[in-house]
Amino acid sequence: MFGAKIFPVVEAANTIEIGSYVRIHNFDDDMHNKKGIFKGHFEQPTGEIRSWIVLEENNKNFYTLPHTLRIV
């Protein structure tokens, strides 16, 4: 007896969870490849969305564009 197996397709989540370990992937920034803990997104008064990261190397706050983050 022949048949087809059906498997559910699960798409990868594009969201980063708060507390995730991330790195900055932006060749145009001197912070390229710096790592830290993701603390969330926020909206600036201009309407632009930024991501908040606490850097691993010095525990300082850094704000960047969401599309420049990669999960480590």
PDB file of N, CA and C in Angstrom:
ATOM      1  N   MET A   1       0.838  -1.166   0.000  1.00  0.00           N
ATOM      2  CA  MET A   1       0.000   0.000   0.000  1.00  0.00           C
ATOM      3  C   MET A   1       0.893   1.243   0.000  1.00  0.00           C
ATOM      4  N   PHE A   2       0.606   2.147  -0.911  1.00  0.00           N
ATOM      5  CA  PHE A   2       1.393   3.372  -1.024  1.00  0.00           C
ATOM      6  C   PHE A   2       0.564   4.564  -0.547  1.00  0.00           C
ATOM      7  N   GLY A   3       1.249   5.551  -0.070  1.00  0.00           N
ATOM      8  CA  GLY A   3       0.552   6.742   0.395  1.00  0.00           C
ATOM      9  C   GLY A   3       1.551   7.884   0.535  1.00  0.00           C
ATOM     10  N   ALA A   4       1.033   9.016   0.770  1.00  0.00           N
ATOM     11  CA  ALA A   4       1.880  10.194   0.950  1.00  0.00           C
ATOM     12  C   ALA A   4       1.879  10.598   2.416  1.00  0.00           C
ATOM     13  N   LYS A   5       3.055  10.936   2.899  1.00  0.00           N
ATOM     14  CA  LYS A   5       3.142  11.444   4.262  1.00  0.00           C
ATOM     15  C   LYS A   5       3.024  12.956   4.208  1.00  0.00           C
ATOM     16  N   ILE A   6       2.243  13.479   5.086  1.00  0.00           N
ATOM     17  CA  ILE A   6       2.047  14.928   5.140  1.00  0.00           C
ATOM     18  C   ILE A   6       2.653  15.438   6.432  1.00  0.00           C
ATOM     19  N   PHE A   7       3.510  16.438   6.290  1.00  0.00           N
ATOM     20  CA  PHE A   7       4.168  17.041   7.439  1.00  0.00           C
ATOM     21  C   PHE A   7       3.757  18.501   7.545  1.00  0.00           C
ATOM     22  N   PRO A   8       3.489  18.972   8.738  1.00  0.00           N
ATOM     23  CA  PRO A   8       3.149  20.393   8.880  1.00  0.00           C
ATOM     24  C   PRO A   8       4.380  21.269   8.586  1.00  0.00           C
ATOM     25  N   VAL A   9       4.141  22.391   7.989  1.00  0.00           N
ATOM     26  CA  VAL A   9       5.217  23.331   7.696  1.00  0.00           C
ATOM     27  C   VAL A   9       5.187  24.413   8.763  1.00  0.00           C
ATOM     28  N   VAL A  10       6.310  24.574   9.420  1.00  0.00           N
ATOM     29  CA  VAL A  10       6.422  25.574  10.470  1.00  0.00           C
ATOM     30  C   VAL A  10       7.417  26.621  10.006  1.00  0.00           C
ATOM     31  N   GLU A  11       6.974  27.847   9.968  1.00  0.00           N
ATOM     32  CA  GLU A  11       7.861  28.923   9.558  1.00  0.00           C
ATOM     33  C   GLU A  11       8.670  29.407  10.755  1.00  0.00           C
ATOM     34  N   ALA A  12       9.913  29.783  10.484  1.00  0.00           N
ATOM     35  CA  ALA A  12      10.767  30.305  11.548  1.00  0.00           C
ATOM     36  C   ALA A  12      10.230  31.646  12.025  1.00  0.00           C
ATOM     37  N   ALA A  13      10.302  31.849  13.315  1.00  0.00           N
ATOM     38  CA  ALA A  13       9.844  33.115  13.883  1.00  0.00           C
ATOM     39  C   ALA A  13      10.856  34.208  13.572  1.00  0.00           C
ATOM     40  N   ASN A  14      10.376  35.376  13.188  1.00  0.00           N
ATOM     41  CA  ASN A  14      11.250  36.495  12.888  1.00  0.00           C
ATOM     42  C   ASN A  14      11.408  37.429  14.076  1.00  0.00           C
ATOM     43  N   THR A  15      10.820  37.067  15.190  1.00  0.00           N
ATOM     44  CA  THR A  15      10.879  37.940  16.348  1.00  0.00           C
ATOM     45  C   THR A  15      11.981  37.480  17.294  1.00  0.00           C
ATOM     46  N   ILE A  16      12.554  38.433  17.979  1.00  0.00           N
ATOM     47  CA  ILE A  16      13.578  38.149  18.972  1.00  0.00           C
ATOM     48  C   ILE A  16      12.934  38.320  20.341  1.00  0.00           C
ATOM     49  N   GLU A  17      13.096  37.352  21.193  1.00  0.00           N
ATOM     50  CA  GLU A  17      12.506  37.425  22.521  1.00  0.00           C
ATOM     51  C   GLU A  17      13.360  38.289  23.443  1.00  0.00           C
ATOM     52  N   ILE A  18      12.711  38.984  24.343  1.00  0.00           N
ATOM     53  CA  ILE A  18      13.416  39.793  25.330  1.00  0.00           C
ATOM     54  C   ILE A  18      14.301  38.874  26.163  1.00  0.00           C
ATOM     55  N   GLY A  19      15.542  39.273  26.356  1.00  0.00           N
ATOM     56  CA  GLY A  19      16.511  38.474  27.092  1.00  0.00           C
ATOM     57  C   GLY A  19      17.386  37.616  26.197  1.00  0.00           C
ATOM     58  N   SER A  20      17.129  37.631  24.876  1.00  0.00           N
ATOM     59  CA  SER A  20      17.935  36.844  23.950  1.00  0.00           C
ATOM     60  C   SER A  20      19.328  37.448  23.797  1.00  0.00           C
ATOM     61  N   TYR A  21      20.294  36.580  23.599  1.00  0.00           N
ATOM     62  CA  TYR A  21      21.672  36.999  23.344  1.00  0.00           C
ATOM     63  C   TYR A  21      21.783  37.289  21.848  1.00  0.00           C
ATOM     64  N   VAL A  22      22.159  38.505  21.488  1.00  0.00           N
ATOM     65  CA  VAL A  22      22.178  38.927  20.089  1.00  0.00           C
ATOM     66  C   VAL A  22      23.523  39.569  19.739  1.00  0.00           C
ATOM     67  N   ARG A  23      23.748  39.721  18.434  1.00  0.00           N
ATOM     68  CA  ARG A  23      24.898  40.488  17.956  1.00  0.00           C
ATOM     69  C   ARG A  23      24.405  41.498  16.936  1.00  0.00           C
ATOM     70  N   ILE A  24      25.148  42.568  16.806  1.00  0.00           N
ATOM     71  CA  ILE A  24      24.802  43.631  15.856  1.00  0.00           C
ATOM     72  C   ILE A  24      25.465  43.303  14.531  1.00  0.00           C
ATOM     73  N   HIS A  25      24.684  43.252  13.482  1.00  0.00           N
ATOM     74  CA  HIS A  25      25.182  42.931  12.143  1.00  0.00           C
ATOM     75  C   HIS A  25      24.948  44.138  11.241  1.00  0.00           C
ATOM     76  N   ASN A  26      25.904  45.072  11.277  1.00  0.00           N
ATOM     77  CA  ASN A  26      25.797  46.294  10.484  1.00  0.00           C
ATOM     78  C   ASN A  26      27.207  46.724  10.093  1.00  0.00           C
ATOM     79  N   PHE A  27      27.593  46.414   8.854  1.00  0.00           N
ATOM     80  CA  PHE A  27      28.942  46.716   8.383  1.00  0.00           C
ATOM     81  C   PHE A  27      29.262  48.204   8.418  1.00  0.00           C
ATOM     82  N   ASP A  28      28.244  49.058   8.336  1.00  0.00           N
ATOM     83  CA  ASP A  28      28.455  50.505   8.301  1.00  0.00           C
ATOM     84  C   ASP A  28      28.607  51.126   9.685  1.00  0.00           C
ATOM     85  N   ASP A  29      28.536  50.335  10.732  1.00  0.00           N
ATOM     86  CA  ASP A  29      28.585  50.840  12.101  1.00  0.00           C
ATOM     87  C   ASP A  29      29.823  50.284  12.804  1.00  0.00           C
ATOM     88  N   ASP A  30      30.457  51.093  13.630  1.00  0.00           N
ATOM     89  CA  ASP A  30      31.623  50.607  14.368  1.00  0.00           C
ATOM     90  C   ASP A  30      31.242  49.591  15.439  1.00  0.00           C
ATOM     91  N   MET A  31      29.965  49.392  15.675  1.00  0.00           N
ATOM     92  CA  MET A  31      29.481  48.406  16.647  1.00  0.00           C
ATOM     93  C   MET A  31      29.236  47.032  16.003  1.00  0.00           C
ATOM     94  N   HIS A  32      29.603  46.873  14.738  1.00  0.00           N
ATOM     95  CA  HIS A  32      29.416  45.609  14.019  1.00  0.00           C
ATOM     96  C   HIS A  32      30.039  44.453  14.812  1.00  0.00           C
ATOM     97  N   ASN A  33      29.284  43.379  14.967  1.00  0.00           N
ATOM     98  CA  ASN A  33      29.670  42.151  15.671  1.00  0.00           C
ATOM     99  C   ASN A  33      29.760  42.286  17.189  1.00  0.00           C
ATOM    100  N   LYS A  34      29.346  43.397  17.758  1.00  0.00           N
ATOM    101  CA  LYS A  34      29.281  43.515  19.216  1.00  0.00           C
ATOM    102  C   LYS A  34      28.087  42.704  19.696  1.00  0.00           C
ATOM    103  N   LYS A  35      28.216  42.112  20.880  1.00  0.00           N
ATOM    104  CA  LYS A  35      27.169  41.231  21.405  1.00  0.00           C
ATOM    105  C   LYS A  35      26.571  41.798  22.679  1.00  0.00           C
ATOM    106  N   GLY A  36      25.335  41.383  22.947  1.00  0.00           N
ATOM    107  CA  GLY A  36      24.665  41.828  24.154  1.00  0.00           C
ATOM    108  C   GLY A  36      23.314  41.166  24.343  1.00  0.00           C
ATOM    109  N   ILE A  37      22.577  41.659  25.306  1.00  0.00           N
ATOM    110  CA  ILE A  37      21.255  41.123  25.648  1.00  0.00           C
ATOM    111  C   ILE A  37      20.178  42.059  25.102  1.00  0.00           C
ATOM    112  N   PHE A  38      19.228  41.489  24.358  1.00  0.00           N
ATOM    113  CA  PHE A  38      18.122  42.249  23.779  1.00  0.00           C
ATOM    114  C   PHE A  38      17.116  42.582  24.874  1.00  0.00           C
ATOM    115  N   LYS A  39      16.744  43.866  24.985  1.00  0.00           N
ATOM    116  CA  LYS A  39      15.814  44.318  26.021  1.00  0.00           C
ATOM    117  C   LYS A  39      14.462  44.759  25.473  1.00  0.00           C
ATOM    118  N   GLY A  40      14.324  44.860  24.149  1.00  0.00           N
ATOM    119  CA  GLY A  40      13.025  45.209  23.584  1.00  0.00           C
ATOM    120  C   GLY A  40      13.118  46.258  22.492  1.00  0.00           C
ATOM    121  N   HIS A  41      11.968  46.535  21.881  1.00  0.00           N
ATOM    122  CA  HIS A  41      11.842  47.563  20.845  1.00  0.00           C
ATOM    123  C   HIS A  41      11.101  48.754  21.436  1.00  0.00           C
ATOM    124  N   PHE A  42      11.358  49.925  20.892  1.00  0.00           N
ATOM    125  CA  PHE A  42      10.590  51.095  21.292  1.00  0.00           C
ATOM    126  C   PHE A  42      10.448  52.023  20.095  1.00  0.00           C
ATOM    127  N   GLU A  43       9.442  52.873  20.164  1.00  0.00           N
ATOM    128  CA  GLU A  43       9.173  53.820  19.081  1.00  0.00           C
ATOM    129  C   GLU A  43       9.647  55.201  19.491  1.00  0.00           C
ATOM    130  N   GLN A  44      10.449  55.804  18.633  1.00  0.00           N
ATOM    131  CA  GLN A  44      10.913  57.167  18.864  1.00  0.00           C
ATOM    132  C   GLN A  44       9.790  58.144  18.545  1.00  0.00           C
ATOM    133  N   PRO A  45       9.889  59.380  19.022  1.00  0.00           N
ATOM    134  CA  PRO A  45       8.856  60.376  18.708  1.00  0.00           C
ATOM    135  C   PRO A  45       8.662  60.588  17.202  1.00  0.00           C
ATOM    136  N   THR A  46       9.685  60.301  16.413  1.00  0.00           N
ATOM    137  CA  THR A  46       9.577  60.440  14.956  1.00  0.00           C
ATOM    138  C   THR A  46       8.825  59.281  14.314  1.00  0.00           C
ATOM    139  N   GLY A  47       8.525  58.237  15.106  1.00  0.00           N
ATOM    140  CA  GLY A  47       7.817  57.073  14.586  1.00  0.00           C
ATOM    141  C   GLY A  47       8.749  55.938  14.208  1.00  0.00           C
ATOM    142  N   GLU A  48      10.049  56.157  14.253  1.00  0.00           N
ATOM    143  CA  GLU A  48      11.013  55.122  13.901  1.00  0.00           C
ATOM    144  C   GLU A  48      11.163  54.123  15.055  1.00  0.00           C
ATOM    145  N   ILE A  49      11.261  52.832  14.718  1.00  0.00           N
ATOM    146  CA  ILE A  49      11.410  51.778  15.719  1.00  0.00           C
ATOM    147  C   ILE A  49      12.897  51.505  15.928  1.00  0.00           C
ATOM    148  N   ARG A  50      13.312  51.397  17.193  1.00  0.00           N
ATOM    149  CA  ARG A  50      14.693  51.078  17.558  1.00  0.00           C
ATOM    150  C   ARG A  50      14.692  49.890  18.513  1.00  0.00           C
ATOM    151  N   SER A  51      15.797  49.157  18.531  1.00  0.00           N
ATOM    152  CA  SER A  51      15.981  48.035  19.448  1.00  0.00           C
ATOM    153  C   SER A  51      16.973  48.427  20.526  1.00  0.00           C
ATOM    154  N   TRP A  52      16.698  48.009  21.747  1.00  0.00           N
ATOM    155  CA  TRP A  52      17.536  48.330  22.894  1.00  0.00           C
ATOM    156  C   TRP A  52      18.339  47.091  23.268  1.00  0.00           C
ATOM    157  N   ILE A  53      19.667  47.271  23.356  1.00  0.00           N
ATOM    158  CA  ILE A  53      20.573  46.188  23.707  1.00  0.00           C
ATOM    159  C   ILE A  53      21.472  46.655  24.843  1.00  0.00           C
ATOM    160  N   VAL A  54      21.713  45.793  25.816  1.00  0.00           N
ATOM    161  CA  VAL A  54      22.721  46.055  26.845  1.00  0.00           C
ATOM    162  C   VAL A  54      23.961  45.285  26.411  1.00  0.00           C
ATOM    163  N   LEU A  55      25.029  46.025  26.106  1.00  0.00           N
ATOM    164  CA  LEU A  55      26.240  45.430  25.553  1.00  0.00           C
ATOM    165  C   LEU A  55      26.956  44.542  26.565  1.00  0.00           C
ATOM    166  N   GLU A  56      27.485  43.444  26.062  1.00  0.00           N
ATOM    167  CA  GLU A  56      28.186  42.464  26.877  1.00  0.00           C
ATOM    168  C   GLU A  56      29.491  43.027  27.440  1.00  0.00           C
ATOM    169  N   GLU A  57      30.217  43.792  26.640  1.00  0.00           N
ATOM    170  CA  GLU A  57      31.565  44.213  27.026  1.00  0.00           C
ATOM    171  C   GLU A  57      31.617  45.274  28.123  1.00  0.00           C
ATOM    172  N   ASN A  58      30.573  46.099  28.218  1.00  0.00           N
ATOM    173  CA  ASN A  58      30.651  47.189  29.204  1.00  0.00           C
ATOM    174  C   ASN A  58      29.316  47.495  29.894  1.00  0.00           C
ATOM    175  N   ASN A  59      28.304  46.671  29.663  1.00  0.00           N
ATOM    176  CA  ASN A  59      26.968  46.849  30.263  1.00  0.00           C
ATOM    177  C   ASN A  59      26.340  48.205  29.958  1.00  0.00           C
ATOM    178  N   LYS A  60      26.693  48.799  28.834  1.00  0.00           N
ATOM    179  CA  LYS A  60      26.090  50.073  28.438  1.00  0.00           C
ATOM    180  C   LYS A  60      24.930  49.829  27.493  1.00  0.00           C
ATOM    181  N   ASN A  61      23.982  50.758  27.497  1.00  0.00           N
ATOM    182  CA  ASN A  61      22.831  50.684  26.601  1.00  0.00           C
ATOM    183  C   ASN A  61      23.249  51.091  25.203  1.00  0.00           C
ATOM    184  N   PHE A  62      22.712  50.369  24.207  1.00  0.00           N
ATOM    185  CA  PHE A  62      22.947  50.716  22.804  1.00  0.00           C
ATOM    186  C   PHE A  62      21.629  50.540  22.068  1.00  0.00           C
ATOM    187  N   TYR A  63      21.346  51.454  21.184  1.00  0.00           N
ATOM    188  CA  TYR A  63      20.096  51.440  20.420  1.00  0.00           C
ATOM    189  C   TYR A  63      20.428  51.310  18.948  1.00  0.00           C
ATOM    190  N   THR A  64      19.741  50.412  18.260  1.00  0.00           N
ATOM    191  CA  THR A  64      20.013  50.156  16.850  1.00  0.00           C
ATOM    192  C   THR A  64      18.716  49.822  16.122  1.00  0.00           C
ATOM    193  N   LEU A  65      18.789  49.731  14.822  1.00  0.00           N
ATOM    194  CA  LEU A  65      17.628  49.347  14.014  1.00  0.00           C
ATOM    195  C   LEU A  65      17.367  47.849  14.159  1.00  0.00           C
ATOM    196  N   PRO A  66      16.112  47.454  14.260  1.00  0.00           N
ATOM    197  CA  PRO A  66      15.780  46.041  14.493  1.00  0.00           C
ATOM    198  C   PRO A  66      16.348  45.077  13.449  1.00  0.00           C
ATOM    199  N   HIS A  67      16.422  45.492  12.188  1.00  0.00           N
ATOM    200  CA  HIS A  67      16.889  44.569  11.146  1.00  0.00           C
ATOM    201  C   HIS A  67      18.391  44.295  11.226  1.00  0.00           C
ATOM    202  N   THR A  68      19.121  45.001  12.100  1.00  0.00           N
ATOM    203  CA  THR A  68      20.563  44.770  12.226  1.00  0.00           C
ATOM    204  C   THR A  68      20.904  43.760  13.315  1.00  0.00           C
ATOM    205  N   LEU A  69      19.916  43.160  13.952  1.00  0.00           N
ATOM    206  CA  LEU A  69      20.170  42.205  15.022  1.00  0.00           C
ATOM    207  C   LEU A  69      20.131  40.764  14.511  1.00  0.00           C
ATOM    208  N   ARG A  70      21.005  39.947  15.054  1.00  0.00           N
ATOM    209  CA  ARG A  70      21.024  38.514  14.770  1.00  0.00           C
ATOM    210  C   ARG A  70      21.092  37.777  16.097  1.00  0.00           C
ATOM    211  N   ILE A  71      20.343  36.697  16.224  1.00  0.00           N
ATOM    212  CA  ILE A  71      20.389  35.888  17.448  1.00  0.00           C
ATOM    213  C   ILE A  71      21.670  35.061  17.408  1.00  0.00           C
ATOM    214  N   VAL A  72      22.353  35.010  18.547  1.00  0.00           N
ATOM    215  CA  VAL A  72      23.605  34.244  18.636  1.00  0.00           C
ATOM    216  C   VAL A  72      23.292  32.840  19.098  1.00  0.00           C
TER     217      VAL A  72
END
